[in-house]
Amino acid sequence: MDPEAAAVVTPHLLAGEELLWCGRPHDTAALRWRAAAIVIIGAAALALRALPLDPSLAKRADVDSIVLAVLFFVMIAGAITLHSYLSNTFYGVTNQRALIVAGLRELEVTPVFLEKLNTGLIKLRRFGNTLVLARTPVNRYGPLLGNPSVVHRGNDPKECYRLLGLENAGEVYRIILDAADKL
């Protein structure tokens, strides 16, 4: 168990809950893919500005490079937001719930009751180092901006929760299934 994650998750436990596992996201494929895309778009914008072009193409290259620069800054903002959420995200698994504690300024607690796993309302799936708790199959990559661990909220029939970047996803998968079986 990650002691920093335990310190953040423990105050949100209900009476009678026992913390079985807690952790936080580590390097994720989403961050690496976004970083690669940002580098490619940034290089393309610089190349369009640096290449000497004949006058008929110069005006078009200026417009294209401005569009690429705007796209570059939007992608940077998305990457910063994603990294900020992931650096302020903590996961916990108890004998009753999976908890996602995340936020940019104030941490919000999103509980996923494990009793839903037994009734078929939510299914647990594993994609590499990501665990997805969802009612229906969903896009595992999630939103561009916002909390990447909570894709849908409330009583939405498509509610989806993701535990991203787990170093020991197989072990956490087993812990969740065992806790759900004991309910």
Protein backbone atom coordinates (compact mmCIF):
# COMPACT_ATOMS: atom_id res chain seq x y z
CA MET A 1 0.00 0.00 0.00
CA ASP A 2 1.13 3.50 -0.85
CA PRO A 3 1.36 5.43 2.47
CA GLU A 4 0.53 8.79 0.84
CA ALA A 5 -2.56 7.28 -0.83
CA ALA A 6 -3.56 5.63 2.46
CA ALA A 7 -3.37 9.00 4.24
CA VAL A 8 -5.69 10.57 1.64
CA VAL A 9 -8.16 7.67 1.31
CA THR A 10 -8.51 6.63 4.98
CA PRO A 11 -10.52 9.69 6.13
CA HIS A 12 -13.20 8.80 3.55
CA LEU A 13 -13.87 5.29 4.85
CA LEU A 14 -17.29 4.39 6.21
CA ALA A 15 -17.87 2.72 9.56
CA GLY A 16 -16.92 -0.94 9.28
CA GLU A 17 -14.87 -0.51 6.13
CA GLU A 18 -11.42 -2.03 5.97
CA LEU A 19 -8.84 -0.69 3.53
CA LEU A 20 -7.56 -3.61 1.45
CA TRP A 21 -5.41 -1.71 -1.06
CA CYS A 22 -4.59 1.86 -2.00
CA GLY A 23 -2.36 3.45 -4.60
CA ARG A 24 -2.08 6.12 -7.24
CA PRO A 25 -1.59 6.30 -11.00
CA HIS A 26 1.87 5.90 -12.45
CA ASP A 27 3.13 6.59 -15.97
CA THR A 28 0.31 5.82 -18.38
CA ALA A 29 0.20 5.12 -22.09
CA ALA A 30 -2.23 8.04 -22.46
CA LEU A 31 0.43 10.47 -21.26
CA ARG A 32 3.06 9.00 -23.56
CA TRP A 33 0.77 9.10 -26.64
CA ARG A 34 -0.27 12.67 -25.93
CA ALA A 35 3.34 13.73 -25.45
CA ALA A 36 4.29 12.14 -28.79
CA ALA A 37 1.39 13.85 -30.58
CA ILE A 38 2.34 17.21 -29.05
CA VAL A 39 5.94 16.82 -30.21
CA ILE A 40 4.87 15.89 -33.77
CA ILE A 41 2.43 18.81 -34.07
CA GLY A 42 4.91 21.24 -32.54
CA ALA A 43 7.62 20.09 -34.98
CA ALA A 44 5.22 20.46 -37.92
CA ALA A 45 4.31 24.01 -36.85
CA LEU A 46 7.98 24.94 -36.56
CA ALA A 47 8.82 23.34 -39.90
CA LEU A 48 6.09 25.29 -41.69
CA ARG A 49 7.41 28.54 -40.21
CA ALA A 50 11.06 27.77 -41.00
CA LEU A 51 10.84 26.52 -44.58
CA PRO A 52 11.44 29.09 -47.30
CA LEU A 53 8.47 28.95 -49.65
CA ASP A 54 7.62 30.73 -52.86
CA PRO A 55 5.24 33.67 -52.36
CA SER A 56 2.13 31.82 -53.58
CA LEU A 57 2.50 29.20 -50.83
CA ALA A 58 3.85 31.49 -48.12
CA LYS A 59 0.44 32.92 -47.18
CA ARG A 60 -1.11 29.42 -46.95
CA ALA A 61 1.83 28.18 -44.86
CA ASP A 62 1.37 31.11 -42.47
CA VAL A 63 -2.30 30.24 -41.93
CA ASP A 64 -1.53 26.52 -41.54
CA SER A 65 1.24 27.18 -39.04
CA ILE A 66 -1.09 29.40 -36.97
CA VAL A 67 -3.74 26.65 -36.93
CA LEU A 68 -1.09 24.10 -35.92
CA ALA A 69 0.17 26.44 -33.19
CA VAL A 70 -3.36 26.82 -31.76
CA LEU A 71 -3.81 23.03 -31.87
CA PHE A 72 -0.43 22.65 -30.19
CA PHE A 73 -1.47 24.92 -27.30
CA VAL A 74 -4.83 23.14 -26.89
CA MET A 75 -3.00 19.81 -26.69
CA ILE A 76 -0.55 21.26 -24.14
CA ALA A 77 -3.51 22.44 -22.03
CA GLY A 78 -5.09 18.99 -22.25
CA ALA A 79 -1.84 17.29 -21.26
CA ILE A 80 -1.34 19.66 -18.32
CA THR A 81 -4.91 19.07 -17.13
CA LEU A 82 -4.53 15.29 -17.45
CA HIS A 83 -1.21 15.32 -15.60
CA SER A 84 -2.69 17.56 -12.87
CA TYR A 85 -5.60 15.18 -12.35
CA LEU A 86 -3.37 12.12 -12.31
CA SER A 87 -0.92 13.68 -9.84
CA ASN A 88 -3.89 14.47 -7.53
CA THR A 89 -5.62 11.09 -7.89
CA PHE A 90 -5.64 8.35 -5.27
CA TYR A 91 -7.36 4.97 -5.43
CA GLY A 92 -8.53 2.76 -2.61
CA VAL A 93 -10.25 -0.61 -2.41
CA THR A 94 -12.11 -1.55 0.75
CA ASN A 95 -14.23 -4.53 1.68
CA GLN A 96 -17.30 -2.56 0.42
CA ARG A 97 -16.20 -0.02 -2.20
CA ALA A 98 -13.60 1.12 -4.65
CA LEU A 99 -12.80 4.78 -4.03
CA ILE A 100 -11.45 7.38 -6.42
CA VAL A 101 -10.24 10.51 -4.65
CA ALA A 102 -9.30 13.13 -7.25
CA GLY A 103 -9.53 16.79 -8.15
CA LEU A 104 -7.62 19.80 -9.35
CA ARG A 105 -8.19 22.12 -6.38
CA GLU A 106 -10.36 20.20 -3.94
CA LEU A 107 -10.33 16.43 -3.81
CA GLU A 108 -13.70 14.80 -4.51
CA VAL A 109 -14.54 11.25 -3.51
CA THR A 110 -16.22 8.99 -6.04
CA PRO A 111 -17.30 5.66 -4.56
CA VAL A 112 -18.08 2.54 -6.57
CA PHE A 113 -19.98 0.04 -4.44
CA LEU A 114 -18.66 -3.46 -5.02
CA GLU A 115 -22.12 -4.96 -4.45
CA LYS A 116 -22.95 -3.69 -7.96
CA LEU A 117 -20.39 -6.15 -9.34
CA ASN A 118 -22.37 -9.08 -7.94
CA THR A 119 -25.64 -7.94 -9.52
CA GLY A 120 -24.24 -7.34 -12.99
CA LEU A 121 -24.88 -3.57 -12.88
CA ILE A 122 -21.16 -2.98 -13.28
CA LYS A 123 -18.54 -5.24 -14.83
CA LEU A 124 -14.84 -5.16 -14.04
CA ARG A 125 -12.47 -5.28 -17.01
CA ARG A 126 -8.72 -5.02 -17.29
CA PHE A 127 -6.89 -3.28 -20.13
CA GLY A 128 -3.15 -3.55 -19.45
CA ASN A 129 -2.45 -1.38 -16.41
CA THR A 130 -6.00 0.08 -16.33
CA LEU A 131 -9.05 -1.35 -14.57
CA VAL A 132 -12.47 -0.28 -15.87
CA LEU A 133 -15.66 -0.61 -13.83
CA ALA A 134 -18.53 0.03 -16.24
CA ARG A 135 -22.05 -1.10 -17.02
CA THR A 136 -21.54 -1.29 -20.76
CA PRO A 137 -18.45 -1.42 -22.95
CA VAL A 138 -17.05 2.08 -23.24
CA ASN A 139 -14.18 3.91 -24.83
CA ARG A 140 -11.28 3.11 -22.53
CA TYR A 141 -9.41 6.30 -23.40
CA GLY A 142 -11.92 8.68 -21.82
CA PRO A 143 -12.28 12.45 -22.01
CA LEU A 144 -9.75 14.89 -23.44
CA LEU A 145 -10.10 17.23 -20.47
CA GLY A 146 -11.35 16.61 -16.94
CA ASN A 147 -11.04 13.74 -14.52
CA PRO A 148 -9.87 10.71 -16.52
CA SER A 149 -10.90 8.28 -13.76
CA VAL A 150 -14.62 9.20 -13.79
CA VAL A 151 -16.01 9.14 -17.32
CA HIS A 152 -19.72 9.31 -16.42
CA ARG A 153 -21.32 10.29 -13.12
CA GLY A 154 -24.55 9.67 -11.28
CA ASN A 155 -27.32 7.29 -12.34
CA ASP A 156 -26.26 7.43 -15.97
CA PRO A 157 -26.67 3.95 -17.48
CA LYS A 158 -23.24 4.41 -19.04
CA GLU A 159 -21.43 5.18 -15.77
CA CYS A 160 -17.76 4.31 -16.02
CA TYR A 161 -14.90 4.46 -13.57
CA ARG A 162 -11.26 3.83 -14.41
CA LEU A 163 -8.28 3.08 -12.23
CA LEU A 164 -5.45 4.24 -14.49
CA GLY A 165 -1.74 3.51 -14.48
CA LEU A 166 -1.70 0.75 -11.86
CA GLU A 167 1.68 -0.91 -11.37
CA ASN A 168 0.00 -4.05 -10.05
CA ALA A 169 -3.29 -4.08 -11.97
CA GLY A 170 -3.61 -7.88 -11.82
CA GLU A 171 -3.33 -7.89 -8.04
CA VAL A 172 -5.85 -5.05 -7.64
CA TYR A 173 -8.20 -6.84 -10.07
CA ARG A 174 -8.08 -9.94 -7.80
CA ILE A 175 -8.58 -7.87 -4.64
CA ILE A 176 -11.70 -6.23 -6.09
CA LEU A 177 -13.17 -9.54 -7.27
CA ASP A 178 -12.45 -11.24 -3.92
CA ALA A 179 -14.00 -8.34 -1.97
CA ALA A 180 -17.09 -8.39 -4.22
CA ASP A 181 -17.45 -12.16 -3.77
CA LYS A 182 -17.42 -11.78 0.03
CA LEU A 183 -20.34 -9.32 0.00
